[in-house]
Amino acid sequence: MGIIKPLPDLLISQIAAGEVVERPASVLKELLENSLDAGAAKIDVQLEEGGVRLIRVADDGAGIAPEDLPLALARHATSKIASLYDLERVDSYGFRGEALASIASVARVTMTSRHAAETHAFRLRSGTDAIEPAALAGGTVIEVADLYFNTPARRKFLKAEATEFAHCDEVLRRMALARPDVAFTLSHNGSAKRRLASADFPRRARDIIGEEFFPHARSLDATAGPLRLSGLAALPAYSRAARDEQYFFVNGRYVRDKLLTHAARQAWTDILHGARHPAYVLFLELDPAGVDVNVHPAKTEVRFRDARGIHQFVFHALQRALAAPLVAAASPPMTSPTNAPSPFFQARQSGLGVGEPAARPYLEFARAAFAASAALAPDDLPRGAVAPAPTPDERDQGAAPLLGYAIAQLHGVYILAQNAGGLVLVDMHAAHERILYEKLKTSLDGGPPATQSLLVPLLLSASEAEMATAGEHADALAQLGFAVAAAGPRELAVRRLPALLAGGNAVDLVRALLGELAEHPASRVVETQRNELLATMACHGAVRAHRLLSLPEMNALLRQMEETERADQCNHGRPTWVQLSMAELDRLFMRGR
């Protein structure tokens, strides 16, 4: 007698539920997706005991015909696809036809629906085929009660009520971000928790993420053939200790994809500290045939046909958005030519440089101070550090620079400037470090960097390890613009430096480079560690703290910041400048109270 036997349908569904119904939040996700597929414009969610006792989802969608109600709870029955062709081009949230059946196998499900063609609603309960008349104005109401009532072992793995509710709330947050055109309400144990009206994407994003995200956010809307990436990406000043504000949607579906996460992380590599995480809300649109969403029952994993192309597109689109110079970033946002419900948008920028009329008299004082000082203070920064700044007479007097005009230096560390919005504070070392870093990268990308030979070689004592490193990495040093050779048993001679760093502290710079080069194989150092080495060079070449600058020098630095990519933050991810608006200053001094 054979020992292999077919499993009963209920057990099959319960096994499938192990993947589909991980916790109450998994149930809520499936029900919300069904409501959105039905064309709902308003969805109401009620939870009890974190969703374990009850999950009730009511929508105003198309409804289900009475003859289809039994099939809605049957395994592998769906209205979304009918062939392999459809499966390869899924454009709906649901398509597997197993979620409701799996849920009904581990909970008590009641489904009430009124189709638009029916005069009244009908109700069906799991475990029975009896359909009974019911009262409902329209749409569908699904109640999932007593989750895991028949599988107590699974119920033991659930967390505390507050934890389960938090997971449910996060699911609703993701759905609400994906569909700002749909209104959502959420209550827990009879208490209202969220009420989200239908809105445009910026308003919905503010409701979900919070206002503090937006002053640091850069908007993007990039296309390449059939690919489109849009959304918001936060500058490093808004970096997070956890990945709690990373939302990536593919064709409107929230996904957790390693390829997309890696591409996003790489875009922040140059500007974000390793222990911090970026924040973003991004939407990738492509032909449904180019992405396989049938990877896992939870449908949060995807597989791309052109994975390399997707990675490069996402990486470069984000990198361009984050690298936009300050002047470009402050340009007025463009209005989307379409009015489609998909959340592509241009979010407002920080608003710096677009001041209120009342703030402009302050700029006239700053311009005058700048002009008066230009003839009095010679440019005494290290050679190549900052370029001469044009005087205000050379500029359009009606256009205020984004970072305004310098008025003072604080303790030799910070530059104070006035712009149309109020007061700007700049960390001069961090800002100059970023400027030098970007210049060094550009210089090296164009071939061997411009160098300056020293009439008298610079001699520095070196340890045996440093002597060995200098000899082993001579080619790498040459590619970076240095000529370093032994001048004795324990002495190195520096005969050539990159022109951009010729006025810096060459001894400290060479020692720092030798220390980093010693950690990497000579054959791969330039290819794999180039940017790290350039960052070290920029750090040592930048103007140091307690270095007194003249007003023209400070203004030159401000103008170069406005024209430099990623000038909002230094190479370590710290902000280079902050803005204090006139309103904030008034509040500090209680003006107007």
Protein backbone atom coordinates (compact mmCIF):
# COMPACT_ATOMS: atom_id res chain seq x y z
CA MET A 1 0.00 0.00 0.00
CA GLY A 2 1.40 3.40 -1.00
CA ILE A 3 2.30 5.94 1.64
CA ILE A 4 1.97 9.07 -0.51
CA LYS A 5 -1.48 10.62 -0.18
CA PRO A 6 -3.03 13.86 -1.39
CA LEU A 7 -3.53 16.45 1.32
CA PRO A 8 -7.02 17.71 2.16
CA ASP A 9 -7.91 21.16 0.84
CA LEU A 10 -8.11 22.74 4.29
CA LEU A 11 -4.60 21.58 5.19
CA ILE A 12 -3.28 22.80 1.84
CA SER A 13 -4.74 26.23 2.50
CA GLN A 14 -3.32 26.27 6.02
CA ILE A 15 0.13 25.43 4.69
CA ALA A 16 -0.18 28.25 2.15
CA ALA A 17 -1.33 30.54 4.94
CA GLY A 18 2.03 30.04 6.61
CA GLU A 19 3.56 32.19 3.86
CA VAL A 20 0.66 34.50 3.05
CA VAL A 21 -0.67 35.11 6.59
CA GLU A 22 2.41 35.76 8.68
CA ARG A 23 0.62 38.11 11.08
CA PRO A 24 -2.44 40.43 11.15
CA ALA A 25 -0.60 42.98 9.01
CA SER A 26 -0.32 40.37 6.24
CA VAL A 27 -4.09 39.92 6.27
CA LEU A 28 -4.66 43.67 6.16
CA LYS A 29 -2.29 44.02 3.20
CA GLU A 30 -4.21 41.44 1.15
CA LEU A 31 -7.57 43.01 1.96
CA LEU A 32 -6.38 46.51 1.10
CA GLU A 33 -4.97 45.28 -2.21
CA ASN A 34 -8.33 43.69 -3.06
CA SER A 35 -10.11 46.96 -2.28
CA LEU A 36 -7.74 48.96 -4.49
CA ASP A 37 -8.09 46.44 -7.33
CA ALA A 38 -11.87 46.90 -7.03
CA GLY A 39 -11.46 50.61 -7.73
CA ALA A 40 -12.20 51.85 -4.22
CA ALA A 41 -11.94 55.59 -3.59
CA LYS A 42 -12.48 55.30 0.17
CA ILE A 43 -11.34 52.53 2.50
CA ASP A 44 -12.18 52.22 6.19
CA VAL A 45 -10.14 49.90 8.43
CA GLN A 46 -11.16 48.83 11.92
CA LEU A 47 -8.89 46.71 14.12
CA GLU A 48 -9.37 45.10 17.50
CA GLU A 49 -6.56 43.75 19.68
CA GLY A 50 -3.90 44.50 17.08
CA GLY A 51 -5.94 42.78 14.38
CA VAL A 52 -5.95 39.39 16.10
CA ARG A 53 -9.54 39.61 17.27
CA LEU A 54 -10.89 41.54 14.28
CA ILE A 55 -9.80 43.11 11.02
CA ARG A 56 -12.65 44.85 9.21
CA VAL A 57 -12.07 46.50 5.83
CA ALA A 58 -14.92 48.36 4.14
CA ASP A 59 -14.61 49.97 0.70
CA ASP A 60 -16.78 51.64 -1.92
CA GLY A 61 -15.39 49.61 -4.80
CA ALA A 62 -17.18 47.75 -7.60
CA GLY A 63 -18.46 44.99 -5.34
CA ILE A 64 -18.74 41.25 -6.00
CA ALA A 65 -21.62 39.58 -7.84
CA PRO A 66 -23.51 37.03 -5.68
CA GLU A 67 -22.55 34.14 -7.97
CA ASP A 68 -18.86 35.03 -7.50
CA LEU A 69 -18.89 35.16 -3.69
CA PRO A 70 -18.15 31.42 -3.16
CA LEU A 71 -15.31 31.61 -5.70
CA ALA A 72 -13.81 34.58 -3.88
CA LEU A 73 -12.99 32.26 -0.96
CA ALA A 74 -11.89 29.35 -3.17
CA ARG A 75 -8.24 28.52 -3.81
CA HIS A 76 -6.71 29.70 -7.09
CA ALA A 77 -9.82 31.53 -8.25
CA THR A 78 -9.32 35.11 -9.46
CA SER A 79 -10.62 37.72 -11.85
CA LYS A 80 -7.17 39.27 -12.34
CA ILE A 81 -5.50 36.84 -14.76
CA ALA A 82 -6.59 34.07 -17.11
CA SER A 83 -3.40 32.98 -18.89
CA LEU A 84 0.38 32.86 -18.70
CA TYR A 85 0.43 35.97 -20.87
CA ASP A 86 -1.54 37.83 -18.19
CA LEU A 87 0.74 36.50 -15.45
CA GLU A 88 3.79 37.88 -17.23
CA ARG A 89 2.18 41.33 -17.44
CA VAL A 90 0.46 41.73 -14.09
CA ASP A 91 -0.88 45.25 -13.58
CA SER A 92 -3.02 44.58 -10.51
CA TYR A 93 -2.08 44.17 -6.85
CA GLY A 94 -3.54 40.68 -6.53
CA PHE A 95 -3.41 37.87 -9.05
CA ARG A 96 -2.61 34.56 -7.31
CA GLY A 97 -6.15 33.80 -6.17
CA GLU A 98 -5.07 32.21 -2.90
CA ALA A 99 -4.96 34.98 -0.28
CA LEU A 100 -8.62 34.93 0.81
CA ALA A 101 -8.68 31.13 0.81
CA SER A 102 -5.57 31.03 2.99
CA ILE A 103 -7.00 33.64 5.37
CA ALA A 104 -10.31 31.75 5.61
CA SER A 105 -8.43 28.59 6.58
CA VAL A 106 -7.00 30.19 9.75
CA ALA A 107 -9.70 32.71 10.70
CA ARG A 108 -13.45 33.28 10.60
CA VAL A 109 -14.18 35.33 7.52
CA THR A 110 -17.42 37.12 6.70
CA MET A 111 -17.78 38.79 3.30
CA THR A 112 -20.60 41.20 2.51
CA SER A 113 -20.75 42.82 -0.92
CA ARG A 114 -23.12 44.66 -3.19
CA HIS A 115 -22.38 44.67 -6.89
CA ALA A 116 -23.38 47.78 -8.83
CA ALA A 117 -25.90 45.73 -10.83
CA GLU A 118 -27.66 44.32 -7.73
CA THR A 119 -30.53 45.88 -5.78
CA HIS A 120 -29.17 44.68 -2.46
CA ALA A 121 -26.10 43.09 -0.92
CA PHE A 122 -25.26 39.46 -0.17
CA ARG A 123 -23.25 37.88 2.62
CA LEU A 124 -21.09 34.75 2.73
CA ARG A 125 -19.33 33.22 5.74
CA SER A 126 -16.30 30.97 5.51
CA GLY A 127 -17.02 27.29 6.08
CA THR A 128 -20.39 27.45 4.34
CA ASP A 129 -21.71 27.90 0.81
CA ALA A 130 -24.95 29.55 1.95
CA ILE A 131 -25.37 33.07 0.59
CA GLU A 132 -27.82 35.29 2.43
CA PRO A 133 -29.23 38.76 1.70
CA ALA A 134 -27.70 41.66 3.60
CA ALA A 135 -27.91 45.42 3.89
CA LEU A 136 -25.08 47.46 2.39
CA ALA A 137 -25.16 50.69 0.41
CA GLY A 138 -22.39 49.57 -1.93
CA GLY A 139 -18.90 48.15 -2.16
CA THR A 140 -17.54 45.33 0.00
CA VAL A 141 -17.00 44.68 3.69
CA ILE A 142 -14.70 41.85 4.79
CA GLU A 143 -14.38 40.88 8.44
CA VAL A 144 -11.57 38.59 9.57
CA ALA A 145 -12.16 37.48 13.17
CA ASP A 146 -10.21 35.31 15.60
CA LEU A 147 -7.03 34.95 13.58
CA TYR A 148 -5.32 31.57 14.13
CA PHE A 149 -8.26 30.32 16.23
CA ASN A 150 -7.70 26.80 14.84
CA THR A 151 -3.88 26.90 14.84
CA PRO A 152 -2.94 27.93 18.39
CA ALA A 153 0.74 27.13 17.78
CA ARG A 154 0.89 29.92 15.19
CA ARG A 155 -0.92 32.33 17.50
CA LYS A 156 1.79 31.92 20.13
CA PHE A 157 4.32 33.48 17.76
CA LEU A 158 2.42 36.76 17.56
CA LYS A 159 3.85 39.73 19.43
CA ALA A 160 2.20 42.14 21.84
CA GLU A 161 -0.96 43.92 20.75
CA ALA A 162 0.85 47.25 20.33
CA THR A 163 3.49 45.63 18.13
CA GLU A 164 0.95 43.94 15.88
CA PHE A 165 -0.98 47.19 15.53
CA ALA A 166 2.23 49.03 14.60
CA HIS A 167 2.80 46.53 11.77
CA CYS A 168 -0.77 47.03 10.56
CA ASP A 169 -0.33 50.79 10.67
CA GLU A 170 2.84 50.54 8.61
CA VAL A 171 1.01 48.51 5.96
CA LEU A 172 -1.63 51.20 5.70
CA ARG A 173 1.08 53.92 5.51
CA ARG A 174 2.64 52.17 2.51
CA MET A 175 -0.69 51.75 0.74
CA ALA A 176 -1.59 55.37 1.42
CA LEU A 177 1.72 56.58 -0.04
CA ALA A 178 1.19 54.47 -3.16
CA ARG A 179 -2.37 55.73 -3.65
CA PRO A 180 -2.79 59.32 -2.48
CA ASP A 181 -5.98 59.55 -4.56
CA VAL A 182 -7.70 57.11 -2.17
CA ALA A 183 -9.04 58.17 1.25
CA PHE A 184 -8.14 55.95 4.22
CA THR A 185 -9.37 55.81 7.81
CA LEU A 186 -7.96 53.59 10.55
CA SER A 187 -9.26 52.86 14.04
CA HIS A 188 -8.03 50.53 16.77
CA ASN A 189 -10.19 49.26 19.61
CA GLY A 190 -12.75 51.92 18.77
CA SER A 191 -10.24 54.79 18.79
CA ALA A 192 -9.53 56.73 15.58
CA LYS A 193 -5.84 56.57 14.62
CA ARG A 194 -5.62 57.89 11.06
CA ARG A 195 -7.89 59.89 8.80
CA LEU A 196 -6.35 60.53 5.39
CA ALA A 197 -8.41 62.41 2.86
CA SER A 198 -7.82 62.02 -0.85
CA ALA A 199 -4.95 64.36 -1.76
CA ASP A 200 -2.06 64.99 -4.10
CA PHE A 201 1.19 63.21 -3.37
CA PRO A 202 3.04 66.00 -1.53
CA ARG A 203 0.14 66.44 0.89
CA ARG A 204 -0.15 62.67 1.46
CA ALA A 205 3.60 62.35 1.99
CA ARG A 206 3.47 65.11 4.60
CA ASP A 207 0.65 63.30 6.39
CA ILE A 208 2.59 60.02 6.43
CA ILE A 209 6.24 61.01 6.87
CA GLY A 210 5.93 64.37 8.58
CA GLU A 211 6.82 67.98 7.85
CA GLU A 212 10.41 67.70 9.10
CA PHE A 213 11.32 65.52 6.10
CA PHE A 214 10.50 68.10 3.44
CA PRO A 215 13.04 70.89 4.02
CA HIS A 216 15.76 68.30 3.36
CA ALA A 217 14.09 66.54 0.42
CA ARG A 218 15.11 66.73 -3.22
CA SER A 219 12.49 65.89 -5.82
CA LEU A 220 13.33 63.87 -8.90
CA ASP A 221 11.55 62.79 -12.05
CA ALA A 222 13.87 60.93 -14.41
CA THR A 223 13.12 58.90 -17.51
CA ALA A 224 15.15 56.59 -19.73
CA GLY A 225 13.23 54.80 -22.45
CA PRO A 226 10.43 52.82 -20.77
CA LEU A 227 11.77 53.54 -17.26
CA ARG A 228 10.63 56.36 -15.00
CA LEU A 229 11.77 57.14 -11.47
CA SER A 230 10.17 59.87 -9.42
CA GLY A 231 9.73 60.77 -5.79
CA LEU A 232 11.59 62.39 -2.94
CA ALA A 233 15.11 61.72 -1.68
CA ALA A 234 16.39 63.31 1.53
CA LEU A 235 19.79 64.92 1.81
CA PRO A 236 22.19 63.45 4.42
CA ALA A 237 21.21 66.10 6.96
CA TYR A 238 18.01 64.05 7.37
CA SER A 239 19.72 60.65 7.55
CA ARG A 240 18.22 58.05 9.88
CA ALA A 241 19.57 55.60 12.44
CA ALA A 242 17.30 52.90 10.94
CA ARG A 243 15.71 52.13 7.55
CA ASP A 244 12.29 53.23 8.77
CA GLU A 245 11.74 55.87 6.09
CA GLN A 246 12.70 53.98 2.95
CA TYR A 247 9.75 53.42 0.64
CA PHE A 248 10.27 51.97 -2.83
CA PHE A 249 7.34 51.24 -5.12
CA VAL A 250 7.48 49.37 -8.43
CA ASN A 251 4.44 50.04 -10.62
CA GLY A 252 2.63 51.20 -7.49
CA ARG A 253 3.52 48.11 -5.46
CA TYR A 254 5.64 48.45 -2.31
CA VAL A 255 8.69 46.18 -2.59
CA ARG A 256 11.73 45.24 -0.54
CA ASP A 257 14.24 44.51 -3.27
CA LYS A 258 17.97 44.10 -2.68
CA LEU A 259 18.88 45.41 -6.11
CA LEU A 260 16.92 48.64 -5.67
CA THR A 261 18.11 49.09 -2.09
CA HIS A 262 21.72 48.65 -3.18
CA ALA A 263 21.34 51.14 -6.04
CA ALA A 264 19.85 53.69 -3.65
CA ARG A 265 22.54 53.14 -1.04
CA GLN A 266 25.28 53.57 -3.65
CA ALA A 267 23.86 56.95 -4.63
CA TRP A 268 24.42 58.18 -1.06
CA THR A 269 27.90 56.60 -0.70
CA ASP A 270 29.82 59.83 -1.22
CA ILE A 271 27.75 61.90 1.16
CA LEU A 272 26.39 59.71 3.95
CA HIS A 273 28.16 58.38 7.03
CA GLY A 274 28.35 54.59 6.99
CA ALA A 275 26.32 54.15 10.18
CA ARG A 276 23.39 56.24 8.89
CA HIS A 277 20.62 55.35 6.46
CA PRO A 278 19.03 57.49 3.74
CA ALA A 279 15.35 58.41 3.67
CA TYR A 280 13.32 58.36 0.47
CA VAL A 281 9.96 57.74 -1.18
CA LEU A 282 10.59 56.50 -4.72
CA PHE A 283 8.35 55.26 -7.51
CA LEU A 284 9.73 53.17 -10.37
CA GLU A 285 7.48 52.66 -13.37
CA LEU A 286 8.23 50.27 -16.20
CA ASP A 287 6.51 47.87 -18.56
CA PRO A 288 4.87 45.13 -16.42
CA ALA A 289 6.47 42.58 -18.74
CA GLY A 290 9.88 43.78 -17.54
CA VAL A 291 9.34 42.78 -13.91
CA ASP A 292 8.27 39.47 -12.36
CA VAL A 293 6.16 39.98 -9.24
CA ASN A 294 5.37 36.28 -8.88
CA VAL A 295 8.47 35.56 -6.81
CA HIS A 296 6.98 35.16 -3.33
CA PRO A 297 3.38 34.85 -2.09
CA ALA A 298 3.77 38.08 -0.13
CA LYS A 299 4.50 39.86 -3.45
CA THR A 300 7.08 42.18 -1.86
CA GLU A 301 9.97 40.66 -3.82
CA VAL A 302 10.42 41.22 -7.54
CA ARG A 303 12.76 40.10 -10.27
CA PHE A 304 13.75 42.37 -13.17
CA ARG A 305 14.49 41.18 -16.69
CA ASP A 306 17.21 43.81 -17.07
CA ALA A 307 18.54 43.95 -13.52
CA ARG A 308 21.79 45.69 -14.46
CA GLY A 309 19.98 48.37 -16.47
CA ILE A 310 17.50 49.02 -13.66
CA HIS A 311 20.33 49.30 -11.12
CA GLN A 312 22.25 51.79 -13.24
CA PHE A 313 19.16 53.86 -14.01
CA VAL A 314 18.10 54.14 -10.36
CA PHE A 315 21.65 54.85 -9.19
CA HIS A 316 22.33 57.61 -11.72
CA ALA A 317 18.89 59.22 -11.34
CA LEU A 318 19.34 59.47 -7.58
CA GLN A 319 22.95 60.56 -7.85
CA ARG A 320 22.01 63.41 -10.20
CA ALA A 321 19.21 64.55 -7.90
CA LEU A 322 21.44 64.53 -4.82
CA ALA A 323 24.38 66.12 -6.64
CA ALA A 324 22.46 69.08 -8.06
CA PRO A 325 24.28 72.33 -7.23
CA LEU A 326 22.55 74.56 -4.71
CA VAL A 327 21.57 77.10 -7.36
CA ALA A 328 19.89 74.43 -9.47
CA ALA A 329 18.26 72.83 -6.46
CA ALA A 330 16.66 76.13 -5.53
CA SER A 331 15.07 76.61 -8.94
CA PRO A 332 11.27 76.77 -9.05
CA PRO A 333 9.77 73.29 -9.31
CA MET A 334 8.39 72.25 -12.66
CA THR A 335 4.74 71.33 -12.94
CA SER A 336 4.01 67.89 -14.28
CA PRO A 337 2.37 68.06 -17.74
CA THR A 338 0.04 65.24 -16.83
CA ASN A 339 -2.69 64.94 -14.25
CA ALA A 340 -2.46 61.19 -13.78
CA PRO A 341 -3.18 59.73 -10.34
CA SER A 342 0.26 58.13 -10.14
CA PRO A 343 2.36 60.08 -7.61
CA PHE A 344 4.90 61.84 -9.78
CA PHE A 345 5.52 65.32 -8.57
CA GLN A 346 7.94 68.10 -7.86
CA ALA A 347 8.10 68.75 -4.11
CA ARG A 348 8.91 72.19 -2.78
CA GLN A 349 12.52 72.80 -1.98
CA SER A 350 13.85 74.54 1.06
CA GLY A 351 12.80 77.92 -0.29
CA LEU A 352 16.20 79.50 0.36
CA GLY A 353 17.01 82.29 -2.03
CA VAL A 354 13.36 83.17 -2.58
CA GLY A 355 12.82 85.62 0.21
CA GLU A 356 10.02 87.83 1.35
CA PRO A 357 10.21 91.46 0.23
CA ALA A 358 10.75 92.56 3.83
CA ALA A 359 14.05 90.68 3.93
CA ARG A 360 15.63 92.41 0.93
CA PRO A 361 16.85 95.58 2.72
CA TYR A 362 19.23 93.37 4.69
CA LEU A 363 20.77 92.22 1.41
CA GLU A 364 21.48 95.78 0.34
CA PHE A 365 23.55 96.25 3.51
CA ALA A 366 25.41 92.99 2.82
CA ARG A 367 26.11 93.96 -0.80
CA ALA A 368 27.48 97.30 0.34
CA ALA A 369 29.69 95.67 2.98
CA PHE A 370 30.97 93.20 0.42
CA ALA A 371 31.79 95.92 -2.11
CA ALA A 372 33.50 98.12 0.48
CA SER A 373 35.71 95.31 1.70
CA ALA A 374 36.72 94.01 -1.72
CA ALA A 375 39.39 96.66 -2.22
CA LEU A 376 40.72 96.38 1.33
CA ALA A 377 41.26 92.66 1.89
CA PRO A 378 43.60 90.79 -0.46
CA ASP A 379 42.97 87.17 -1.29
CA ASP A 380 45.32 85.31 1.03
CA LEU A 381 43.84 81.80 0.92
CA PRO A 382 46.17 78.94 0.01
CA ARG A 383 46.80 78.85 -3.72
CA GLY A 384 44.04 76.99 -5.52
CA ALA A 385 41.80 76.96 -2.48
CA VAL A 386 39.00 79.20 -3.71
CA ALA A 387 38.59 81.20 -6.88
CA PRO A 388 38.19 84.99 -6.79
CA ALA A 389 34.58 86.00 -6.32
CA PRO A 390 32.94 88.51 -8.63
CA THR A 391 32.01 91.78 -7.00
CA PRO A 392 28.34 92.68 -6.70
CA ASP A 393 28.78 95.20 -9.56
CA GLU A 394 29.60 92.29 -11.82
CA ARG A 395 26.39 90.53 -10.88
CA ASP A 396 22.79 91.19 -11.63
CA GLN A 397 21.87 93.43 -8.72
CA GLY A 398 18.29 92.13 -8.75
CA ALA A 399 19.22 88.50 -8.18
CA ALA A 400 20.15 87.59 -4.62
CA PRO A 401 22.55 84.63 -4.30
CA LEU A 402 21.12 81.58 -2.61
CA LEU A 403 23.62 81.75 0.27
CA GLY A 404 23.62 85.52 0.35
CA TYR A 405 26.63 87.66 1.28
CA ALA A 406 29.10 87.13 4.10
CA ILE A 407 29.00 89.57 6.99
CA ALA A 408 31.37 88.02 9.56
CA GLN A 409 33.39 85.03 10.70
CA LEU A 410 32.72 83.34 14.04
CA HIS A 411 35.73 82.03 16.02
CA GLY A 412 37.52 81.26 12.77
CA VAL A 413 35.18 78.31 12.22
CA TYR A 414 31.86 79.53 10.84
CA ILE A 415 30.91 82.06 8.19
CA LEU A 416 27.86 84.19 8.90
CA ALA A 417 25.98 85.41 5.84
CA GLN A 418 22.73 87.22 5.07
CA ASN A 419 20.41 85.99 2.34
CA ALA A 420 16.84 86.79 1.41
CA GLY A 421 15.54 84.31 3.96
CA GLY A 422 17.55 85.42 6.98
CA LEU A 423 20.84 84.18 8.45
CA VAL A 424 23.08 81.52 6.88
CA LEU A 425 25.76 79.73 8.94
CA VAL A 426 28.48 77.88 7.04
CA ASP A 427 31.08 75.45 8.38
CA MET A 428 33.92 76.79 6.25
CA HIS A 429 36.18 73.73 6.55
CA ALA A 430 33.39 71.28 5.71
CA ALA A 431 32.24 73.41 2.78
CA HIS A 432 35.73 73.89 1.35
CA GLU A 433 36.41 70.17 1.81
CA ARG A 434 33.42 69.32 -0.39
CA ILE A 435 34.44 71.88 -3.03
CA LEU A 436 37.98 70.48 -3.21
CA TYR A 437 36.73 66.89 -3.27
CA GLU A 438 34.44 67.53 -6.24
CA LYS A 439 37.20 69.42 -8.06
CA LEU A 440 39.66 66.59 -7.47
CA LYS A 441 37.19 64.02 -8.79
CA THR A 442 36.49 66.11 -11.89
CA SER A 443 40.18 66.66 -12.46
CA LEU A 444 41.01 62.97 -12.20
CA ASP A 445 38.06 61.94 -14.39
CA GLY A 446 39.50 64.07 -17.18
CA GLY A 447 42.88 62.34 -17.07
CA PRO A 448 46.02 62.99 -15.05
CA PRO A 449 45.41 65.90 -12.67
CA ALA A 450 47.15 69.22 -13.07
CA THR A 451 50.26 69.20 -10.91
CA GLN A 452 52.80 71.66 -9.58
CA SER A 453 56.46 70.80 -9.24
CA LEU A 454 58.26 72.06 -6.16
CA LEU A 455 61.42 74.08 -6.78
CA VAL A 456 62.77 72.74 -3.50
CA PRO A 457 61.61 69.17 -2.71
CA LEU A 458 59.75 68.81 0.53
CA LEU A 459 61.54 66.38 2.87
CA LEU A 460 59.79 64.40 5.59
CA SER A 461 61.04 61.73 7.94
CA ALA A 462 59.33 58.37 7.46
CA SER A 463 59.09 55.03 9.20
CA GLU A 464 60.15 51.80 7.54
CA ALA A 465 56.52 51.00 6.81
CA GLU A 466 55.96 54.40 5.19
CA MET A 467 59.11 54.01 3.10
CA ALA A 468 57.91 50.62 1.88
CA THR A 469 54.42 51.93 1.11
CA ALA A 470 55.79 54.88 -0.88
CA GLY A 471 57.85 52.53 -3.04
CA GLU A 472 55.10 49.95 -3.50
CA HIS A 473 52.42 52.53 -4.36
CA ALA A 474 54.51 54.94 -6.44
CA ASP A 475 52.26 54.44 -9.49
CA ALA A 476 49.09 55.04 -7.47
CA LEU A 477 50.58 58.22 -6.01
CA ALA A 478 51.55 59.37 -9.50
CA GLN A 479 47.99 58.87 -10.74
CA LEU A 480 46.83 61.10 -7.90
CA GLY A 481 49.33 63.81 -8.87
CA PHE A 482 52.16 63.11 -6.40
CA ALA A 483 55.83 62.43 -7.00
CA VAL A 484 57.22 60.86 -3.82
CA ALA A 485 60.56 59.06 -3.70
CA ALA A 486 63.14 57.96 -1.16
CA ALA A 487 65.73 60.61 -0.30
CA GLY A 488 67.51 58.54 2.34
CA PRO A 489 67.07 55.45 4.55
CA ARG A 490 64.32 57.13 6.60
CA GLU A 491 63.46 60.15 4.48
CA LEU A 492 61.01 60.84 1.65
CA ALA A 493 61.14 63.68 -0.87
CA VAL A 494 57.93 65.14 -2.28
CA ARG A 495 58.72 66.71 -5.65
CA ARG A 496 55.27 67.21 -7.13
CA LEU A 497 51.74 67.87 -5.80
CA PRO A 498 48.27 68.27 -7.31
CA ALA A 499 47.89 71.94 -8.22
CA LEU A 500 44.62 72.17 -6.28
CA LEU A 501 46.45 71.26 -3.06
CA ALA A 502 49.72 73.08 -3.59
CA GLY A 503 49.07 75.53 -0.76
CA GLY A 504 48.01 72.96 1.81
CA ASN A 505 49.95 71.07 4.46
CA ALA A 506 51.78 68.64 2.20
CA VAL A 507 53.48 66.74 5.04
CA ASP A 508 50.24 65.82 6.79
CA LEU A 509 48.59 65.04 3.46
CA VAL A 510 51.31 62.64 2.28
CA ARG A 511 51.40 60.88 5.65
CA ALA A 512 47.62 60.41 5.58
CA LEU A 513 47.74 59.03 2.04
CA LEU A 514 50.53 56.60 2.89
CA GLY A 515 48.51 55.38 5.86
CA GLU A 516 45.49 54.64 3.67
CA LEU A 517 47.51 53.15 0.82
CA ALA A 518 49.15 50.71 3.22
CA GLU A 519 45.75 49.08 3.82
CA HIS A 520 45.12 48.14 0.16
CA PRO A 521 46.87 46.03 -2.49
CA ALA A 522 48.89 48.17 -4.86
CA SER A 523 47.29 46.63 -7.97
CA ARG A 524 43.76 47.70 -7.02
CA VAL A 525 44.10 50.80 -4.91
CA VAL A 526 43.18 53.43 -7.49
CA GLU A 527 40.24 51.50 -8.92
CA THR A 528 38.63 50.54 -5.62
CA GLN A 529 39.69 53.29 -3.23
CA ARG A 530 40.08 56.36 -5.42
CA ASN A 531 37.27 58.37 -3.89
CA GLU A 532 38.38 57.56 -0.34
CA LEU A 533 41.86 58.80 -1.16
CA LEU A 534 40.51 61.94 -2.80
CA ALA A 535 38.37 62.59 0.28
CA THR A 536 41.49 62.38 2.44
CA MET A 537 43.29 64.77 0.11
CA ALA A 538 40.38 67.22 0.22
CA CYS A 539 40.18 67.07 4.00
CA HIS A 540 43.85 67.91 4.42
CA GLY A 541 43.80 70.51 1.66
CA ALA A 542 40.75 72.41 2.88
CA VAL A 543 41.03 75.65 4.81
CA ARG A 544 41.48 74.81 8.48
CA ALA A 545 39.52 75.97 11.47
CA HIS A 546 40.71 79.23 13.08
CA ARG A 547 41.97 80.44 9.71
CA LEU A 548 40.81 84.06 9.44
CA LEU A 549 39.22 84.92 6.10
CA SER A 550 38.46 88.28 4.56
CA LEU A 551 34.95 89.11 3.35
CA PRO A 552 35.88 88.59 -0.32
CA GLU A 553 37.34 85.19 0.55
CA MET A 554 34.21 84.22 2.44
CA ASN A 555 32.00 85.36 -0.42
CA ALA A 556 34.16 83.45 -2.89
CA LEU A 557 33.58 80.32 -0.84
CA LEU A 558 29.81 80.93 -0.78
CA ARG A 559 29.67 81.37 -4.57
CA GLN A 560 31.64 78.18 -5.16
CA MET A 561 29.33 76.29 -2.80
CA GLU A 562 26.37 77.40 -4.90
CA GLU A 563 27.98 75.93 -8.00
CA THR A 564 29.31 72.69 -6.50
CA GLU A 565 27.59 69.33 -6.56
CA ARG A 566 26.57 67.95 -3.16
CA ALA A 567 27.64 71.15 -1.44
CA ASP A 568 24.97 70.64 1.21
CA GLN A 569 27.20 68.20 3.06
CA CYS A 570 30.86 67.40 3.53
CA ASN A 571 32.53 64.13 2.56
CA HIS A 572 31.55 62.61 5.92
CA GLY A 573 27.84 63.36 5.55
CA ARG A 574 27.72 66.35 7.91
CA PRO A 575 25.82 69.45 6.78
CA THR A 576 27.97 72.29 5.50
CA TRP A 577 25.42 75.03 6.14
CA VAL A 578 22.15 75.76 7.88
CA GLN A 579 19.54 78.47 7.47
CA LEU A 580 17.85 80.45 10.22
CA SER A 581 14.85 82.28 8.79
CA MET A 582 13.77 85.71 9.98
CA ALA A 583 10.71 84.09 11.51
CA GLU A 584 12.91 81.71 13.52
CA LEU A 585 15.09 84.57 14.70
CA ASP A 586 12.00 86.57 15.67
CA ARG A 587 10.77 83.62 17.74
CA LEU A 588 14.12 83.40 19.54
CA PHE A 589 13.74 87.02 20.63
CA MET A 590 9.96 86.77 21.16
CA ARG A 591 9.33 89.54 18.65
CA GLY A 592 5.71 90.16 17.80
CA ARG A 593 4.38 88.67 21.05
